[in-house]
N, C-alpha and C. Protein backbone atom coordinates (compact mmCIF):
# COMPACT_ATOMS: atom_id res chain seq x y z
N UNK A 1 0.84 -1.16 0.00
CA UNK A 1 0.00 0.00 0.00
C UNK A 1 0.90 1.24 0.00
N UNK A 2 0.59 2.14 -0.89
CA UNK A 2 1.42 3.35 -1.01
C UNK A 2 1.06 4.34 0.09
N UNK A 3 1.94 5.30 0.28
CA UNK A 3 1.68 6.31 1.30
C UNK A 3 0.48 7.17 0.91
N UNK A 4 0.24 7.32 -0.40
CA UNK A 4 -0.93 8.07 -0.86
C UNK A 4 -2.22 7.32 -0.50
N UNK A 5 -2.20 5.98 -0.66
CA UNK A 5 -3.36 5.17 -0.28
C UNK A 5 -3.61 5.27 1.23
N UNK A 6 -2.53 5.21 2.00
CA UNK A 6 -2.66 5.32 3.46
C UNK A 6 -3.23 6.68 3.85
N UNK A 7 -2.76 7.70 3.19
CA UNK A 7 -3.25 9.06 3.48
C UNK A 7 -4.74 9.16 3.18
N UNK A 8 -5.18 8.58 2.07
CA UNK A 8 -6.60 8.62 1.71
C UNK A 8 -7.43 7.84 2.72
N UNK A 9 -6.94 6.69 3.15
CA UNK A 9 -7.64 5.90 4.16
C UNK A 9 -7.75 6.67 5.47
N UNK A 10 -6.69 7.35 5.85
CA UNK A 10 -6.70 8.14 7.07
C UNK A 10 -7.71 9.27 6.98
N UNK A 11 -7.77 9.93 5.86
CA UNK A 11 -8.74 11.01 5.65
C UNK A 11 -10.17 10.47 5.78
N UNK A 12 -10.41 9.32 5.15
CA UNK A 12 -11.74 8.71 5.20
C UNK A 12 -12.11 8.34 6.64
N UNK A 13 -11.16 7.74 7.36
CA UNK A 13 -11.42 7.37 8.75
C UNK A 13 -11.69 8.59 9.62
N UNK A 14 -10.96 9.65 9.41
CA UNK A 14 -11.17 10.87 10.19
C UNK A 14 -12.55 11.46 9.92
N UNK A 15 -12.98 11.42 8.66
CA UNK A 15 -14.31 11.93 8.32
C UNK A 15 -15.40 11.07 8.97
N UNK A 16 -15.23 9.77 8.90
CA UNK A 16 -16.22 8.87 9.51
C UNK A 16 -16.24 9.05 11.02
N UNK A 17 -15.09 9.22 11.64
CA UNK A 17 -15.04 9.42 13.08
C UNK A 17 -15.73 10.73 13.46
N UNK A 18 -15.57 11.76 12.66
CA UNK A 18 -16.25 13.03 12.92
C UNK A 18 -17.76 12.84 12.86
N UNK A 19 -18.24 12.07 11.89
CA UNK A 19 -19.68 11.80 11.78
C UNK A 19 -20.18 11.02 13.00
N UNK A 20 -19.41 10.06 13.44
CA UNK A 20 -19.80 9.27 14.61
C UNK A 20 -19.88 10.15 15.85
N UNK A 21 -18.92 11.06 16.00
CA UNK A 21 -18.93 11.95 17.15
C UNK A 21 -20.17 12.84 17.15
N UNK A 22 -20.54 13.34 15.99
CA UNK A 22 -21.75 14.16 15.89
C UNK A 22 -22.97 13.34 16.27
N UNK A 23 -23.05 12.13 15.78
CA UNK A 23 -24.18 11.26 16.09
C UNK A 23 -24.25 10.97 17.60
N UNK A 24 -23.12 10.74 18.22
CA UNK A 24 -23.09 10.48 19.65
C UNK A 24 -23.52 11.70 20.45
N UNK A 25 -23.09 12.87 20.01
CA UNK A 25 -23.48 14.10 20.71
C UNK A 25 -24.99 14.32 20.59
N UNK A 26 -25.55 14.04 19.41
CA UNK A 26 -26.99 14.21 19.22
C UNK A 26 -27.77 13.21 20.06
N UNK A 27 -27.31 11.98 20.12
CA UNK A 27 -28.04 10.97 20.89
C UNK A 27 -27.90 11.22 22.39
N UNK A 28 -26.77 11.78 22.81
CA UNK A 28 -26.57 12.07 24.22
C UNK A 28 -27.45 13.22 24.69
N UNK A 29 -27.76 14.14 23.79
CA UNK A 29 -28.56 15.29 24.16
C UNK A 29 -30.06 15.00 24.11
N UNK A 30 -30.45 13.93 23.44
CA UNK A 30 -31.88 13.59 23.38
C UNK A 30 -32.20 12.59 24.49
N UNK A 31 -33.45 12.62 24.98
CA UNK A 31 -33.82 11.68 26.04
C UNK A 31 -33.75 10.24 25.54
N UNK A 32 -33.29 9.39 26.40
CA UNK A 32 -33.15 7.98 26.05
C UNK A 32 -34.53 7.33 26.13
N UNK A 33 -34.90 6.65 25.06
CA UNK A 33 -36.17 5.94 25.03
C UNK A 33 -35.87 4.45 24.95
N UNK A 34 -36.31 3.74 25.95
CA UNK A 34 -36.10 2.30 25.98
C UNK A 34 -37.25 1.65 25.22
N UNK A 35 -36.90 0.84 24.24
CA UNK A 35 -37.91 0.14 23.46
C UNK A 35 -38.48 -1.01 24.26
N UNK A 36 -39.81 -1.12 24.26
CA UNK A 36 -40.44 -2.25 24.91
C UNK A 36 -40.30 -3.48 24.03
N UNK A 37 -40.23 -4.62 24.69
CA UNK A 37 -40.21 -5.87 23.95
C UNK A 37 -41.59 -6.09 23.34
N UNK A 38 -41.68 -6.85 22.26
CA UNK A 38 -42.94 -7.01 21.55
C UNK A 38 -44.04 -7.53 22.47
N UNK A 39 -43.69 -8.44 23.36
CA UNK A 39 -44.72 -9.03 24.20
C UNK A 39 -45.20 -8.06 25.27
N UNK A 40 -44.36 -7.12 25.66
CA UNK A 40 -44.78 -6.11 26.63
C UNK A 40 -45.81 -5.16 26.02
N UNK A 41 -45.76 -5.00 24.72
CA UNK A 41 -46.71 -4.12 24.04
C UNK A 41 -48.11 -4.72 23.98
N UNK A 42 -48.20 -6.07 23.98
CA UNK A 42 -49.51 -6.69 23.80
C UNK A 42 -50.09 -7.31 25.07
N UNK A 43 -49.29 -7.33 26.15
CA UNK A 43 -49.79 -7.90 27.40
C UNK A 43 -51.04 -7.14 27.82
N UNK A 44 -52.09 -7.89 28.08
CA UNK A 44 -53.34 -7.30 28.55
C UNK A 44 -54.24 -6.77 27.45
N UNK A 45 -53.82 -6.88 26.21
CA UNK A 45 -54.64 -6.32 25.13
C UNK A 45 -55.93 -7.09 24.91
N UNK A 46 -55.99 -8.34 25.40
CA UNK A 46 -57.21 -9.14 25.25
C UNK A 46 -57.98 -9.26 26.57
N UNK A 47 -57.57 -8.49 27.56
CA UNK A 47 -58.24 -8.55 28.86
C UNK A 47 -59.70 -8.13 28.72
N UNK A 48 -60.57 -8.89 29.35
CA UNK A 48 -62.01 -8.60 29.34
C UNK A 48 -62.59 -8.56 27.94
N UNK A 49 -62.03 -9.32 27.03
CA UNK A 49 -62.54 -9.38 25.67
C UNK A 49 -63.33 -10.69 25.53
N UNK A 50 -64.65 -10.62 25.39
CA UNK A 50 -65.45 -11.84 25.33
C UNK A 50 -65.10 -12.73 24.14
N UNK A 51 -64.69 -12.14 23.04
CA UNK A 51 -64.32 -12.94 21.87
C UNK A 51 -63.06 -13.75 22.16
N UNK A 52 -62.08 -13.13 22.81
CA UNK A 52 -60.86 -13.85 23.17
C UNK A 52 -61.17 -14.95 24.18
N UNK A 53 -62.02 -14.63 25.16
CA UNK A 53 -62.39 -15.63 26.16
C UNK A 53 -63.04 -16.84 25.50
N UNK A 54 -63.91 -16.60 24.53
CA UNK A 54 -64.58 -17.70 23.82
C UNK A 54 -63.57 -18.51 23.01
N UNK A 55 -62.63 -17.85 22.34
CA UNK A 55 -61.60 -18.56 21.56
C UNK A 55 -60.74 -19.40 22.50
N UNK A 56 -60.42 -18.87 23.65
CA UNK A 56 -59.62 -19.61 24.63
C UNK A 56 -60.40 -20.84 25.12
N UNK A 57 -61.67 -20.67 25.41
CA UNK A 57 -62.51 -21.78 25.86
C UNK A 57 -62.61 -22.87 24.79
N UNK A 58 -62.83 -22.46 23.54
CA UNK A 58 -62.94 -23.43 22.45
C UNK A 58 -61.61 -24.17 22.24
N UNK A 59 -60.51 -23.47 22.35
CA UNK A 59 -59.21 -24.11 22.21
C UNK A 59 -58.97 -25.13 23.30
N UNK A 60 -59.32 -24.77 24.53
CA UNK A 60 -59.17 -25.70 25.65
C UNK A 60 -60.05 -26.94 25.43
N UNK A 61 -61.29 -26.70 24.99
CA UNK A 61 -62.22 -27.81 24.73
C UNK A 61 -61.68 -28.74 23.64
N UNK A 62 -61.12 -28.17 22.59
CA UNK A 62 -60.58 -28.97 21.49
C UNK A 62 -59.39 -29.80 21.95
N UNK A 63 -58.49 -29.17 22.74
CA UNK A 63 -57.32 -29.90 23.24
C UNK A 63 -57.73 -31.05 24.15
N UNK A 64 -58.76 -30.85 24.97
CA UNK A 64 -59.22 -31.92 25.86
C UNK A 64 -59.91 -33.03 25.08
N UNK A 65 -60.48 -32.72 23.93
CA UNK A 65 -61.24 -33.71 23.18
C UNK A 65 -60.36 -34.80 22.58
N UNK A 66 -59.13 -34.50 22.25
CA UNK A 66 -58.26 -35.50 21.65
C UNK A 66 -56.84 -35.33 22.18
N UNK A 67 -56.62 -35.79 23.36
CA UNK A 67 -55.31 -35.64 24.00
C UNK A 67 -54.22 -36.41 23.25
N UNK A 68 -54.55 -37.48 22.55
CA UNK A 68 -53.54 -38.27 21.85
C UNK A 68 -52.87 -37.44 20.75
N UNK A 69 -53.59 -36.48 20.21
CA UNK A 69 -53.02 -35.62 19.16
C UNK A 69 -51.86 -34.80 19.71
N UNK A 70 -51.90 -34.46 20.99
CA UNK A 70 -50.91 -33.58 21.59
C UNK A 70 -49.83 -34.33 22.36
N UNK A 71 -49.92 -35.64 22.46
CA UNK A 71 -48.91 -36.39 23.18
C UNK A 71 -47.63 -36.50 22.35
N UNK A 72 -46.51 -36.50 23.04
CA UNK A 72 -45.23 -36.67 22.35
C UNK A 72 -45.09 -38.11 21.92
N UNK A 73 -44.55 -38.32 20.77
CA UNK A 73 -44.41 -39.69 20.27
C UNK A 73 -42.99 -40.12 20.30
């Protein structure tokens, strides 16, 4: 690698580092928002929902009707 190639790589790295520093400064000045996990977003969304309760009841009834289908083989 020639010294000219090294110089160009150094220039590129310095520019990228400057961009990273700006990004870090912007993120440090903004409030941190913690992302909720997907399941935390939906917990309780079916609470007191009669349609969900009926689907749950029907699923339980179906599973009880043929236990051999669910047994490990």
